[in-house]
Each structure stands twice: as structure tokens, then as C-alpha cells.
Amino acid sequence: MPTYLTRFSYAPATWAKLMQRPEDRSAAAKQYIEASGGKLHGFWYAFGEHDGVILWDAPDNVSMAATALAITAGGALTSMQTTPLMSVEDTLKALQKASTIKYRAPGT
């Protein structure tokens, strides 16, 4: 299964609700991810540009997109960015395949 790294930020109103009623949102993330056939590997809160980071698997890009759309449609987030990750093995395969492609730079 493909692995994804998702960075997200909560809306100020979401933080206010969590302050009034703290809850483990990793349990909710696990539920949403598993509903699309995926698996949650980790859920962390962070300082900086994003409020949190999730590492997870999904069967395919459609399942990943469906999960992301369902979560963002809820309105609790101000941003959500997902990056597909590649294994070292897949990267080595890509490097080998790239060496067979004859690229010509513009103007040469």
C-alpha cells in the first residue's frame, strides 16, 4: 500500500473546542483512515507551520483523496497537505528507469 505524510492545521475554533473538551484525535484519524481501507502508522502534534502530522497507508490515491476530502469537508481544519512517500526500493527502481530516458535540455 502507498504511504502518505499528511500535515494539517486546525482552525482557531477547533482549538477552542479541544480546550473545552480535550480528546484524542488520533483515534478519530484512525477511524477515518481505516474506513477507506488504510492504516494509521502515527499521529503527532507539532510546533511551527502545521499543527500536526500523520503517517498512514491507503490502498491507492483515490482512497487517500476520499479520506482527505471527508476530513476537510468537516471544516475543523484550515489546511491539509498530503505527500505521497516512496520506499528506498521504489526510488532505486525509479533511478534505474530514469537512466534509460534520454532527456534533452531546452536549447541544446
N, C-alpha and C. Protein backbone atom coordinates (compact mmCIF):
# COMPACT_ATOMS: atom_id res chain seq x y z
N MET A 1 0.84 -1.18 0.00
CA MET A 1 0.00 0.00 0.00
C MET A 1 0.89 1.25 0.00
N PRO A 2 0.50 2.26 -0.74
CA PRO A 2 1.24 3.52 -0.71
C PRO A 2 1.19 4.17 0.68
N THR A 3 2.26 4.86 1.02
CA THR A 3 2.36 5.55 2.31
C THR A 3 2.29 7.05 2.06
N TYR A 4 1.63 7.76 2.98
CA TYR A 4 1.41 9.19 2.83
C TYR A 4 1.80 9.92 4.12
N LEU A 5 2.31 11.12 3.95
CA LEU A 5 2.61 12.02 5.06
C LEU A 5 1.64 13.19 4.94
N THR A 6 0.80 13.38 5.94
CA THR A 6 -0.18 14.46 5.92
C THR A 6 0.15 15.46 7.02
N ARG A 7 0.18 16.74 6.63
CA ARG A 7 0.38 17.84 7.57
C ARG A 7 -0.94 18.62 7.62
N PHE A 8 -1.35 18.99 8.81
CA PHE A 8 -2.63 19.70 8.94
C PHE A 8 -2.54 20.79 9.98
N SER A 9 -3.47 21.74 9.88
CA SER A 9 -3.61 22.80 10.88
C SER A 9 -5.08 22.95 11.22
N TYR A 10 -5.34 23.10 12.51
CA TYR A 10 -6.71 23.29 12.99
C TYR A 10 -7.12 24.75 12.88
N ALA A 11 -8.41 24.97 12.71
CA ALA A 11 -8.98 26.31 12.78
C ALA A 11 -8.96 26.76 14.25
N PRO A 12 -8.89 28.06 14.51
CA PRO A 12 -8.91 28.54 15.90
C PRO A 12 -10.12 28.02 16.68
N ALA A 13 -11.27 27.94 16.04
CA ALA A 13 -12.47 27.43 16.72
C ALA A 13 -12.31 25.97 17.13
N THR A 14 -11.55 25.21 16.33
CA THR A 14 -11.31 23.81 16.67
C THR A 14 -10.45 23.71 17.92
N TRP A 15 -9.40 24.54 18.00
CA TRP A 15 -8.57 24.55 19.21
C TRP A 15 -9.41 24.93 20.43
N ALA A 16 -10.30 25.90 20.27
CA ALA A 16 -11.14 26.33 21.39
C ALA A 16 -12.02 25.17 21.87
N LYS A 17 -12.58 24.41 20.92
CA LYS A 17 -13.40 23.26 21.30
C LYS A 17 -12.57 22.19 22.00
N LEU A 18 -11.35 21.96 21.51
CA LEU A 18 -10.49 20.95 22.13
C LEU A 18 -10.03 21.39 23.53
N MET A 19 -9.88 22.70 23.74
CA MET A 19 -9.53 23.18 25.07
C MET A 19 -10.69 22.95 26.05
N GLN A 20 -11.93 23.14 25.58
CA GLN A 20 -13.10 22.94 26.43
C GLN A 20 -13.35 21.45 26.70
N ARG A 21 -13.06 20.64 25.69
CA ARG A 21 -13.31 19.20 25.81
C ARG A 21 -12.17 18.45 25.13
N PRO A 22 -11.02 18.28 25.81
CA PRO A 22 -9.88 17.59 25.21
C PRO A 22 -10.24 16.17 24.80
N GLU A 23 -9.72 15.77 23.64
CA GLU A 23 -9.93 14.39 23.19
C GLU A 23 -8.76 13.95 22.33
N ASP A 24 -8.58 12.66 22.26
CA ASP A 24 -7.52 12.06 21.46
C ASP A 24 -7.98 11.99 20.01
N ARG A 25 -7.54 12.93 19.19
CA ARG A 25 -7.96 12.97 17.79
C ARG A 25 -7.28 11.90 16.94
N SER A 26 -6.24 11.25 17.48
CA SER A 26 -5.63 10.15 16.72
C SER A 26 -6.62 9.00 16.57
N ALA A 27 -7.49 8.81 17.55
CA ALA A 27 -8.50 7.75 17.46
C ALA A 27 -9.47 8.05 16.32
N ALA A 28 -9.85 9.32 16.17
CA ALA A 28 -10.74 9.69 15.06
C ALA A 28 -10.03 9.52 13.73
N ALA A 29 -8.76 9.95 13.66
CA ALA A 29 -7.99 9.80 12.41
C ALA A 29 -7.90 8.33 12.03
N LYS A 30 -7.63 7.48 13.00
CA LYS A 30 -7.54 6.04 12.73
C LYS A 30 -8.85 5.52 12.14
N GLN A 31 -9.96 5.95 12.71
CA GLN A 31 -11.29 5.52 12.22
C GLN A 31 -11.50 5.95 10.77
N TYR A 32 -11.19 7.20 10.44
CA TYR A 32 -11.39 7.70 9.08
C TYR A 32 -10.49 6.98 8.09
N ILE A 33 -9.25 6.78 8.47
CA ILE A 33 -8.29 6.12 7.59
C ILE A 33 -8.68 4.67 7.34
N GLU A 34 -9.07 3.97 8.40
CA GLU A 34 -9.47 2.57 8.24
C GLU A 34 -10.76 2.43 7.44
N ALA A 35 -11.63 3.44 7.47
CA ALA A 35 -12.87 3.40 6.69
C ALA A 35 -12.59 3.35 5.20
N SER A 36 -11.42 3.86 4.78
CA SER A 36 -11.07 3.82 3.35
C SER A 36 -10.12 2.66 3.05
N GLY A 37 -9.94 1.76 4.01
CA GLY A 37 -9.08 0.60 3.79
C GLY A 37 -7.63 0.84 4.12
N GLY A 38 -7.33 1.96 4.80
CA GLY A 38 -5.96 2.31 5.12
C GLY A 38 -5.54 1.91 6.51
N LYS A 39 -4.31 2.33 6.87
CA LYS A 39 -3.75 2.02 8.18
C LYS A 39 -2.99 3.25 8.69
N LEU A 40 -3.28 3.63 9.94
CA LEU A 40 -2.59 4.73 10.59
C LEU A 40 -1.30 4.21 11.22
N HIS A 41 -0.17 4.85 10.90
CA HIS A 41 1.12 4.48 11.49
C HIS A 41 1.51 5.41 12.64
N GLY A 42 1.07 6.66 12.57
CA GLY A 42 1.40 7.58 13.64
C GLY A 42 0.68 8.90 13.49
N PHE A 43 0.48 9.57 14.62
CA PHE A 43 -0.23 10.85 14.67
C PHE A 43 0.51 11.69 15.70
N TRP A 44 1.02 12.85 15.28
CA TRP A 44 1.78 13.71 16.17
C TRP A 44 1.30 15.15 16.04
N TYR A 45 1.35 15.87 17.16
CA TYR A 45 1.15 17.31 17.12
C TYR A 45 2.53 17.96 16.98
N ALA A 46 2.56 19.18 16.44
CA ALA A 46 3.83 19.82 16.13
C ALA A 46 3.76 21.31 16.39
N PHE A 47 4.93 21.92 16.56
CA PHE A 47 5.05 23.36 16.60
C PHE A 47 5.44 23.82 15.20
N GLY A 48 5.09 25.04 14.84
CA GLY A 48 5.53 25.57 13.56
C GLY A 48 4.40 25.78 12.59
N GLU A 49 4.70 25.58 11.33
CA GLU A 49 3.76 25.88 10.26
C GLU A 49 2.49 25.02 10.32
N HIS A 50 2.63 23.79 10.79
CA HIS A 50 1.48 22.87 10.86
C HIS A 50 1.26 22.45 12.30
N ASP A 51 0.00 22.19 12.63
CA ASP A 51 -0.35 21.77 13.99
C ASP A 51 -0.12 20.29 14.22
N GLY A 52 -0.14 19.50 13.16
CA GLY A 52 0.03 18.07 13.33
C GLY A 52 0.49 17.38 12.07
N VAL A 53 0.93 16.14 12.28
CA VAL A 53 1.46 15.31 11.20
C VAL A 53 0.92 13.90 11.37
N ILE A 54 0.52 13.29 10.25
CA ILE A 54 0.02 11.91 10.27
C ILE A 54 0.81 11.11 9.24
N LEU A 55 1.20 9.90 9.62
CA LEU A 55 1.84 8.97 8.70
C LEU A 55 0.88 7.80 8.54
N TRP A 56 0.49 7.52 7.28
CA TRP A 56 -0.53 6.50 7.06
C TRP A 56 -0.43 5.86 5.70
N ASP A 57 -1.05 4.69 5.57
CA ASP A 57 -1.14 3.98 4.29
C ASP A 57 -2.58 4.05 3.80
N ALA A 58 -2.74 4.02 2.49
CA ALA A 58 -4.05 3.90 1.85
C ALA A 58 -3.89 2.96 0.67
N PRO A 59 -4.95 2.26 0.29
CA PRO A 59 -4.84 1.31 -0.82
C PRO A 59 -4.40 1.96 -2.13
N ASP A 60 -4.78 3.23 -2.35
CA ASP A 60 -4.47 3.91 -3.60
C ASP A 60 -4.75 5.39 -3.44
N ASN A 61 -4.45 6.18 -4.47
CA ASN A 61 -4.65 7.63 -4.41
C ASN A 61 -6.12 8.01 -4.28
N VAL A 62 -7.01 7.23 -4.87
CA VAL A 62 -8.44 7.54 -4.76
C VAL A 62 -8.89 7.41 -3.31
N SER A 63 -8.46 6.36 -2.64
CA SER A 63 -8.81 6.16 -1.23
C SER A 63 -8.22 7.27 -0.37
N MET A 64 -6.97 7.65 -0.66
CA MET A 64 -6.33 8.74 0.07
C MET A 64 -7.10 10.03 -0.12
N ALA A 65 -7.45 10.33 -1.37
CA ALA A 65 -8.17 11.56 -1.66
C ALA A 65 -9.54 11.56 -1.01
N ALA A 66 -10.23 10.43 -1.01
CA ALA A 66 -11.55 10.34 -0.38
C ALA A 66 -11.45 10.63 1.11
N THR A 67 -10.45 10.09 1.76
CA THR A 67 -10.24 10.34 3.18
C THR A 67 -9.96 11.82 3.43
N ALA A 68 -9.06 12.39 2.65
CA ALA A 68 -8.72 13.80 2.81
C ALA A 68 -9.93 14.70 2.56
N LEU A 69 -10.71 14.39 1.54
CA LEU A 69 -11.90 15.19 1.25
C LEU A 69 -12.92 15.12 2.39
N ALA A 70 -13.14 13.92 2.91
CA ALA A 70 -14.10 13.77 4.01
C ALA A 70 -13.66 14.57 5.24
N ILE A 71 -12.36 14.53 5.53
CA ILE A 71 -11.86 15.26 6.70
C ILE A 71 -11.94 16.77 6.49
N THR A 72 -11.49 17.26 5.34
CA THR A 72 -11.50 18.71 5.11
C THR A 72 -12.92 19.25 4.99
N ALA A 73 -13.84 18.43 4.51
CA ALA A 73 -15.24 18.88 4.40
C ALA A 73 -15.86 19.14 5.76
N GLY A 74 -15.28 18.58 6.80
CA GLY A 74 -15.81 18.79 8.15
C GLY A 74 -15.61 20.19 8.68
N GLY A 75 -14.67 20.94 8.10
CA GLY A 75 -14.47 22.34 8.48
C GLY A 75 -13.60 22.60 9.69
N ALA A 76 -13.04 21.57 10.32
CA ALA A 76 -12.23 21.77 11.52
C ALA A 76 -10.79 22.21 11.21
N LEU A 77 -10.39 22.05 9.95
CA LEU A 77 -9.01 22.35 9.56
C LEU A 77 -8.93 23.63 8.73
N THR A 78 -7.80 24.31 8.84
CA THR A 78 -7.55 25.44 7.95
C THR A 78 -6.65 25.02 6.80
N SER A 79 -5.92 23.93 6.97
CA SER A 79 -5.10 23.40 5.87
C SER A 79 -4.83 21.93 6.09
N MET A 80 -4.63 21.23 4.95
CA MET A 80 -4.28 19.82 4.97
C MET A 80 -3.49 19.56 3.71
N GLN A 81 -2.25 19.10 3.88
CA GLN A 81 -1.38 18.82 2.74
C GLN A 81 -0.87 17.39 2.86
N THR A 82 -1.01 16.62 1.79
CA THR A 82 -0.59 15.22 1.81
C THR A 82 0.48 14.99 0.76
N THR A 83 1.54 14.32 1.16
CA THR A 83 2.66 13.99 0.29
C THR A 83 2.78 12.48 0.17
N PRO A 84 2.72 11.94 -1.05
CA PRO A 84 2.97 10.50 -1.22
C PRO A 84 4.45 10.23 -0.96
N LEU A 85 4.74 9.17 -0.24
CA LEU A 85 6.12 8.80 0.07
C LEU A 85 6.53 7.58 -0.74
N MET A 86 7.81 7.52 -1.08
CA MET A 86 8.34 6.37 -1.83
C MET A 86 9.34 5.61 -0.97
N SER A 87 9.31 4.30 -1.06
CA SER A 87 10.28 3.49 -0.35
C SER A 87 11.65 3.64 -1.01
N VAL A 88 12.67 3.23 -0.31
CA VAL A 88 14.02 3.26 -0.88
C VAL A 88 14.07 2.34 -2.11
N GLU A 89 13.42 1.19 -2.00
CA GLU A 89 13.40 0.24 -3.12
C GLU A 89 12.76 0.84 -4.36
N ASP A 90 11.62 1.52 -4.19
CA ASP A 90 10.96 2.15 -5.33
C ASP A 90 11.80 3.29 -5.91
N THR A 91 12.49 4.01 -5.04
CA THR A 91 13.34 5.09 -5.51
C THR A 91 14.49 4.53 -6.34
N LEU A 92 15.08 3.41 -5.91
CA LEU A 92 16.14 2.77 -6.69
C LEU A 92 15.63 2.33 -8.05
N LYS A 93 14.40 1.78 -8.09
CA LYS A 93 13.81 1.39 -9.38
C LYS A 93 13.61 2.61 -10.27
N ALA A 94 13.15 3.71 -9.68
CA ALA A 94 12.95 4.94 -10.45
C ALA A 94 14.28 5.46 -11.00
N LEU A 95 15.33 5.38 -10.20
CA LEU A 95 16.65 5.82 -10.66
C LEU A 95 17.13 4.97 -11.83
N GLN A 96 16.93 3.67 -11.73
CA GLN A 96 17.33 2.78 -12.83
C GLN A 96 16.54 3.08 -14.10
N LYS A 97 15.24 3.29 -13.94
CA LYS A 97 14.40 3.60 -15.10
C LYS A 97 14.78 4.96 -15.69
N ALA A 98 15.06 5.93 -14.83
CA ALA A 98 15.43 7.27 -15.29
C ALA A 98 16.70 7.24 -16.14
N SER A 99 17.60 6.32 -15.82
CA SER A 99 18.86 6.26 -16.58
C SER A 99 18.64 5.79 -18.01
N THR A 100 17.46 5.25 -18.32
CA THR A 100 17.17 4.79 -19.69
C THR A 100 16.45 5.87 -20.51
N ILE A 101 16.06 6.96 -19.86
CA ILE A 101 15.35 8.04 -20.56
C ILE A 101 16.36 9.04 -21.07
N LYS A 102 16.30 9.31 -22.35
CA LYS A 102 17.23 10.26 -22.97
C LYS A 102 16.61 11.65 -22.97
N TYR A 103 16.99 12.46 -21.98
CA TYR A 103 16.46 13.81 -21.83
C TYR A 103 17.35 14.79 -22.58
N ARG A 104 16.71 15.76 -23.21
CA ARG A 104 17.43 16.84 -23.89
C ARG A 104 17.00 18.14 -23.25
N ALA A 105 17.96 18.90 -22.71
CA ALA A 105 17.67 20.20 -22.08
C ALA A 105 17.21 21.19 -23.13
N PRO A 106 16.34 22.15 -22.75
CA PRO A 106 15.92 23.15 -23.71
C PRO A 106 17.10 23.90 -24.30
N GLY A 107 17.05 24.15 -25.59
CA GLY A 107 18.08 24.91 -26.27
C GLY A 107 19.34 24.13 -26.60
N THR A 108 19.33 22.83 -26.38
CA THR A 108 20.54 22.04 -26.71
C THR A 108 20.28 21.11 -27.88
